[in-house]
Amino acid sequence: MPQNRRDFLCLCSAASLQLQPPPRIDPLTRTGSGRARNRLSAATALALEEAEQNPYWLDALERIDATPPRRRSAAVHRSTLVRGDTSRPWVALTFDDGPHPNSTRQILDVLHDFQAPATFFVVGEMAHRYPELIREQSRGGHSIGNHTYHHVSLSKIPRRYIATEIKACGEVVASVVGRAPRLFRPPGGDYDTEVAELAVGLGYRMVLWTSDPGDYRSPGPAVILKRIEAGLSPGAVILVHDGIQQTLDVLPELILMIRRRGLQLVTIDQMLEAPPAPSVRAPEPLPSGVRPPLGRESLRLQARPPR
């Protein structure tokens, strides 16, 4: 019997006698591309989920199946943010993959010094290990988003496990800061229709990005800044990573660069909550032969009429 098949049967047998916790996955482990690495085999994940009849999955499934496919597709489209309102000079700086004991607090210190809000998409397992860092993010006025519990590629695991990854991370954050996150970012931006529908079914807004400088590859501080600057414009959502030294090194200059462009840093929550900026209507043309009234400055330039 193939080894994978034997492991699968053994796991199913063990899980039928006693519920097994999900295998621990190191969220810091990456592939060469820097994207999320899936260390759960499909058989292992499916066995765990079927053995537990996971309530997270059942809850998400019930919500999704109750929504007609056409409305479901429209809801996914409406609930996915790639760029904010381009009529406002707002930019969102987002950090993935934390919290980290050696870098998160330093990032928070820089943000505090510059009075710059940010959004942190946290890994549930890391949040469970370092809850005080999550509390510091919340107390600093930053937004906290869901980045799954184990930082796995969601499109590469069975559908039943996706809801567990999202819901478990959300519950960890809620237990730490007292409120559930409403923002979700799939690790590595790896998602498909099922992932998006499950996230929306669980009440999340999925957040992607407009600018990815590839800081996880440590290409050099100058390269990181140059890549971000190339895509810097109103509504931009910048993706960088917690736990990357070069990102920490360039953070002060990055904030100054954004402000020199006349742009303001906001959280993703602020982007979503703000109403659309009012449009400025052009003045209607005056009838022929009618002169516009003179303003105060114009009156000062007029010659005083003769007595």
Protein backbone atom coordinates (compact mmCIF):
# COMPACT_ATOMS: atom_id res chain seq x y z
CA MET A 1 0.00 0.00 0.00
CA PRO A 2 1.41 3.47 -0.87
CA GLN A 3 2.70 5.39 2.09
CA ASN A 4 0.35 8.35 1.53
CA ARG A 5 -2.66 6.06 1.42
CA ARG A 6 -1.53 4.27 4.60
CA ASP A 7 -1.07 7.61 6.40
CA PHE A 8 -4.48 8.73 5.26
CA LEU A 9 -6.22 5.62 6.58
CA CYS A 10 -4.34 5.77 9.87
CA LEU A 11 -5.34 9.38 10.33
CA CYS A 12 -8.98 8.64 9.57
CA SER A 13 -8.95 5.79 12.06
CA ALA A 14 -7.33 7.89 14.78
CA ALA A 15 -9.62 10.83 14.18
CA SER A 16 -12.70 8.63 14.46
CA LEU A 17 -11.66 7.71 18.02
CA GLN A 18 -10.48 11.12 19.17
CA LEU A 19 -10.60 14.55 17.61
CA GLN A 20 -7.16 15.56 16.43
CA PRO A 21 -5.98 19.18 16.38
CA PRO A 22 -4.81 20.49 13.00
CA PRO A 23 -1.12 19.90 12.36
CA ARG A 24 1.11 22.84 13.28
CA ILE A 25 2.41 24.72 10.29
CA ASP A 26 5.20 27.24 10.51
CA PRO A 27 3.76 30.41 8.95
CA LEU A 28 7.27 31.69 8.33
CA THR A 29 8.12 28.87 5.92
CA ARG A 30 7.98 30.06 2.34
CA THR A 31 8.57 28.75 -1.12
CA GLY A 32 11.16 30.28 -3.41
CA SER A 33 8.52 32.63 -4.83
CA GLY A 34 7.72 33.98 -1.41
CA ARG A 35 4.12 32.79 -1.63
CA ALA A 36 2.29 30.76 0.96
CA ARG A 37 3.45 27.17 1.20
CA ASN A 38 0.92 24.42 1.78
CA ARG A 39 2.31 21.68 4.01
CA LEU A 40 -1.01 19.89 4.51
CA SER A 41 -1.72 17.13 2.06
CA ALA A 42 -5.22 17.19 0.64
CA ALA A 43 -5.95 13.80 2.21
CA THR A 44 -4.82 14.93 5.66
CA ALA A 45 -6.87 18.11 5.60
CA LEU A 46 -9.96 16.32 4.34
CA ALA A 47 -9.67 13.62 6.98
CA LEU A 48 -9.43 16.21 9.73
CA GLU A 49 -12.42 18.13 8.51
CA GLU A 50 -14.66 15.11 7.93
CA ALA A 51 -13.73 13.65 11.30
CA GLU A 52 -14.60 16.85 13.12
CA GLN A 53 -17.60 17.88 11.01
CA ASN A 54 -16.24 21.33 11.61
CA PRO A 55 -18.89 23.88 12.64
CA TYR A 56 -16.98 26.69 10.89
CA TRP A 57 -17.33 24.91 7.59
CA LEU A 58 -20.98 23.98 8.20
CA ASP A 59 -21.83 27.58 9.10
CA ALA A 60 -20.14 28.97 6.01
CA LEU A 61 -21.69 26.32 3.78
CA GLU A 62 -25.17 27.14 5.06
CA ARG A 63 -24.71 30.86 4.37
CA ILE A 64 -23.29 30.31 0.90
CA ASP A 65 -25.82 27.75 -0.25
CA ALA A 66 -28.64 30.06 0.83
CA THR A 67 -27.45 32.69 -1.66
CA PRO A 68 -28.33 32.29 -5.37
CA PRO A 69 -25.24 31.90 -7.59
CA ARG A 70 -25.79 35.21 -9.42
CA ARG A 71 -26.13 37.18 -6.19
CA ARG A 72 -23.21 35.24 -4.76
CA SER A 73 -20.95 36.30 -7.62
CA ALA A 74 -22.05 39.92 -7.29
CA ALA A 75 -21.42 39.84 -3.54
CA VAL A 76 -17.87 38.54 -4.08
CA HIS A 77 -17.20 41.34 -6.58
CA ARG A 78 -18.55 44.02 -4.24
CA SER A 79 -16.65 42.62 -1.27
CA THR A 80 -13.20 42.55 -2.90
CA LEU A 81 -11.07 45.67 -2.50
CA VAL A 82 -8.10 46.18 -4.78
CA ARG A 83 -7.88 49.98 -4.83
CA GLY A 84 -9.51 52.63 -2.69
CA ASP A 85 -11.39 55.75 -3.79
CA THR A 86 -9.19 57.49 -6.36
CA SER A 87 -10.91 60.83 -5.74
CA ARG A 88 -9.32 61.03 -2.28
CA PRO A 89 -5.56 61.44 -1.71
CA TRP A 90 -5.50 58.34 0.49
CA VAL A 91 -3.04 55.45 0.55
CA ALA A 92 -3.19 52.30 2.72
CA LEU A 93 -0.01 50.67 4.01
CA THR A 94 -0.60 47.00 4.83
CA PHE A 95 1.65 44.47 6.59
CA ASP A 96 1.21 40.72 6.14
CA ASP A 97 2.35 37.66 8.11
CA GLY A 98 2.83 39.00 11.63
CA PRO A 99 3.01 39.45 14.45
CA HIS A 100 6.72 38.81 14.99
CA PRO A 101 8.48 39.28 18.32
CA ASN A 102 11.56 40.85 16.73
CA SER A 103 9.98 43.29 14.27
CA THR A 104 6.32 44.08 14.99
CA ARG A 105 7.03 46.34 17.96
CA GLN A 106 9.71 48.20 15.97
CA ILE A 107 7.22 48.76 13.15
CA LEU A 108 4.68 50.06 15.65
CA ASP A 109 7.28 52.43 17.11
CA VAL A 110 8.00 53.94 13.68
CA LEU A 111 4.30 54.28 12.89
CA HIS A 112 3.73 55.95 16.25
CA ASP A 113 6.60 58.40 15.73
CA PHE A 114 5.19 59.43 12.34
CA GLN A 115 1.53 59.25 13.44
CA ALA A 116 0.95 56.91 10.50
CA PRO A 117 -1.91 54.38 10.62
CA ALA A 118 -1.55 50.98 8.96
CA THR A 119 -3.38 47.70 8.49
CA PHE A 120 -1.97 44.39 9.75
CA PHE A 121 -3.12 41.10 8.23
CA VAL A 122 -2.13 38.68 10.97
CA VAL A 123 -1.61 34.92 11.01
CA GLY A 124 -3.81 33.28 13.64
CA GLU A 125 -1.13 30.99 14.98
CA MET A 126 1.25 33.93 15.43
CA ALA A 127 -1.49 36.01 17.06
CA HIS A 128 -2.11 33.15 19.47
CA ARG A 129 1.60 33.09 20.39
CA TYR A 130 1.99 36.87 20.74
CA PRO A 131 -1.38 38.34 21.72
CA GLU A 132 0.15 41.43 23.35
CA LEU A 133 1.49 42.54 19.96
CA ILE A 134 -2.03 42.33 18.54
CA ARG A 135 -3.30 44.43 21.45
CA GLU A 136 -0.60 47.02 20.75
CA GLN A 137 -1.66 47.18 17.11
CA SER A 138 -5.26 47.74 18.16
CA ARG A 139 -4.38 50.34 20.80
CA GLY A 140 -2.32 52.21 18.20
CA GLY A 141 -5.42 52.77 16.08
CA HIS A 142 -4.37 50.34 13.36
CA SER A 143 -6.71 47.95 11.53
CA ILE A 144 -6.29 44.21 12.03
CA GLY A 145 -7.19 41.76 9.29
CA ASN A 146 -7.43 37.99 8.94
CA HIS A 147 -4.60 36.18 7.10
CA THR A 148 -5.72 32.61 7.94
CA TYR A 149 -4.61 30.58 10.93
CA HIS A 150 -1.72 28.61 9.42
CA HIS A 151 -0.76 30.78 6.39
CA VAL A 152 -1.54 28.13 3.79
CA SER A 153 -2.38 28.43 0.10
CA LEU A 154 -6.15 28.22 0.31
CA SER A 155 -6.75 27.19 -3.29
CA LYS A 156 -4.57 24.11 -2.74
CA ILE A 157 -6.43 22.61 0.22
CA PRO A 158 -9.87 20.95 0.33
CA ARG A 159 -12.83 23.29 0.41
CA ARG A 160 -13.85 22.08 3.86
CA TYR A 161 -10.59 23.29 5.35
CA ILE A 162 -10.76 26.82 3.94
CA ALA A 163 -13.54 27.97 6.24
CA THR A 164 -11.71 26.58 9.26
CA GLU A 165 -8.54 28.52 8.40
CA ILE A 166 -10.44 31.79 8.06
CA LYS A 167 -12.81 31.36 10.99
CA ALA A 168 -10.14 30.11 13.41
CA CYS A 169 -7.92 33.15 12.76
CA GLY A 170 -10.90 35.45 13.24
CA GLU A 171 -11.75 33.89 16.58
CA VAL A 172 -8.18 34.27 17.85
CA VAL A 173 -8.17 37.98 16.97
CA ALA A 174 -11.63 38.47 18.50
CA SER A 175 -10.53 36.80 21.73
CA VAL A 176 -7.52 39.13 21.97
CA VAL A 177 -8.97 42.54 21.05
CA GLY A 178 -12.64 41.94 21.83
CA ARG A 179 -14.01 42.28 18.31
CA ALA A 180 -13.88 40.13 15.21
CA PRO A 181 -11.92 41.34 12.17
CA ARG A 182 -13.88 42.07 9.04
CA LEU A 183 -10.95 42.26 6.61
CA PHE A 184 -9.44 39.18 4.98
CA ARG A 185 -6.43 38.68 2.74
CA PRO A 186 -5.61 35.25 1.31
CA PRO A 187 -1.94 34.32 1.83
CA GLY A 188 0.06 35.15 -1.26
CA GLY A 189 -3.10 36.50 -2.90
CA ASP A 190 -3.85 32.87 -3.73
CA TYR A 191 -7.61 32.48 -4.06
CA ASP A 192 -10.27 31.12 -6.36
CA THR A 193 -14.06 31.42 -6.53
CA GLU A 194 -14.57 29.01 -3.64
CA VAL A 195 -12.15 30.89 -1.39
CA ALA A 196 -13.78 34.23 -2.20
CA GLU A 197 -17.30 32.89 -1.65
CA LEU A 198 -16.37 31.35 1.69
CA ALA A 199 -14.74 34.58 2.87
CA VAL A 200 -17.79 36.62 1.90
CA GLY A 201 -20.08 33.99 3.42
CA LEU A 202 -18.22 34.42 6.71
CA GLY A 203 -18.79 38.17 6.58
CA TYR A 204 -15.38 39.39 5.37
CA ARG A 205 -14.24 41.97 2.86
CA MET A 206 -11.41 40.48 0.85
CA VAL A 207 -8.50 42.91 0.43
CA LEU A 208 -5.85 42.59 -2.28
CA TRP A 209 -3.38 45.31 -3.31
CA THR A 210 -2.19 47.62 -6.05
CA SER A 211 1.52 47.63 -5.18
CA ASP A 212 3.68 44.62 -4.27
CA PRO A 213 7.40 45.53 -4.13
CA GLY A 214 8.44 41.93 -3.44
CA ASP A 215 10.03 42.89 -0.13
CA TYR A 216 9.86 39.25 1.01
CA ARG A 217 12.75 38.57 -1.39
CA SER A 218 14.86 41.31 0.27
CA PRO A 219 15.76 42.98 -3.07
CA GLY A 220 17.37 45.96 -1.33
CA PRO A 221 15.91 49.07 0.33
CA ALA A 222 16.31 51.26 -2.77
CA VAL A 223 14.51 48.71 -4.95
CA ILE A 224 11.63 48.41 -2.49
CA LEU A 225 11.14 52.19 -2.43
CA LYS A 226 11.43 52.52 -6.21
CA ARG A 227 8.84 49.81 -6.84
CA ILE A 228 6.37 51.33 -4.39
CA GLU A 229 6.89 54.83 -5.78
CA ALA A 230 6.11 53.60 -9.30
CA GLY A 231 2.59 52.62 -8.23
CA LEU A 232 1.96 55.46 -5.79
CA SER A 233 -1.32 57.22 -6.53
CA PRO A 234 -4.63 57.99 -4.78
CA GLY A 235 -6.36 54.84 -3.57
CA ALA A 236 -3.21 52.72 -3.64
CA VAL A 237 -2.99 49.69 -1.34
CA ILE A 238 0.65 48.86 -0.58
CA LEU A 239 1.61 45.31 0.38
CA VAL A 240 4.69 44.81 2.55
CA HIS A 241 5.56 42.16 5.12
CA ASP A 242 6.16 42.05 8.85
CA GLY A 243 9.35 40.20 9.74
CA ILE A 244 11.42 41.60 6.82
CA GLN A 245 14.38 43.69 7.98
CA GLN A 246 14.68 45.69 4.76
CA THR A 247 11.04 46.72 5.03
CA LEU A 248 11.65 47.94 8.56
CA ASP A 249 14.76 49.82 7.39
CA VAL A 250 12.91 51.75 4.65
CA LEU A 251 9.70 52.39 6.59
CA PRO A 252 10.54 55.97 7.72
CA GLU A 253 11.58 56.99 4.20
CA LEU A 254 8.52 55.24 2.75
CA ILE A 255 6.18 57.28 4.95
CA LEU A 256 7.97 60.52 4.04
CA MET A 257 7.86 59.63 0.33
CA ILE A 258 4.10 59.10 0.50
CA ARG A 259 3.58 62.43 2.22
CA ARG A 260 5.87 64.30 -0.18
CA ARG A 261 3.51 63.19 -2.94
CA GLY A 262 0.65 64.93 -1.15
CA LEU A 263 -0.92 61.64 -0.07
CA GLN A 264 -2.28 60.67 3.33
CA LEU A 265 -1.93 57.29 5.03
CA VAL A 266 -5.17 55.70 6.22
CA THR A 267 -6.27 52.24 7.30
CA ILE A 268 -8.27 49.92 5.08
CA ASP A 269 -11.20 50.35 7.46
CA GLN A 270 -11.06 54.12 6.91
CA MET A 271 -11.02 53.56 3.16
CA LEU A 272 -14.12 51.41 3.37
CA GLU A 273 -16.04 53.56 5.84
CA ALA A 274 -15.58 56.93 4.17
CA PRO A 275 -18.37 58.05 1.81
CA PRO A 276 -17.36 58.84 -1.76
CA ALA A 277 -15.69 62.21 -2.09
CA PRO A 278 -18.12 64.85 -3.38
CA SER A 279 -17.63 65.69 -7.01
CA VAL A 280 -16.87 69.29 -7.90
CA ARG A 281 -19.28 70.61 -10.50
CA ALA A 282 -18.01 73.04 -13.08
CA PRO A 283 -19.73 76.43 -12.96
CA GLU A 284 -22.48 76.88 -15.50
CA PRO A 285 -21.72 79.42 -18.27
CA LEU A 286 -23.28 82.85 -17.85
CA PRO A 287 -25.74 84.18 -20.41
CA SER A 288 -24.27 86.14 -23.29
CA GLY A 289 -23.38 89.71 -22.39
CA VAL A 290 -23.45 89.16 -18.62
CA ARG A 291 -20.18 89.87 -16.83
CA PRO A 292 -19.21 87.80 -13.77
CA PRO A 293 -19.23 89.67 -10.43
CA LEU A 294 -15.87 90.95 -9.26
CA GLY A 295 -14.29 89.29 -6.29
CA ARG A 296 -12.88 91.16 -3.30
CA GLU A 297 -9.31 91.00 -4.62
CA SER A 298 -10.45 92.29 -8.00
CA LEU A 299 -12.23 95.23 -6.38
CA ARG A 300 -9.03 96.26 -4.66
CA LEU A 301 -7.37 96.64 -8.04
CA GLN A 302 -10.08 98.83 -9.50
CA ALA A 303 -9.45 102.58 -9.73
CA ARG A 304 -11.48 104.60 -7.28
CA PRO A 305 -14.36 106.28 -9.18
CA PRO A 306 -14.12 110.06 -9.60
CA ARG A 307 -16.01 112.20 -7.13
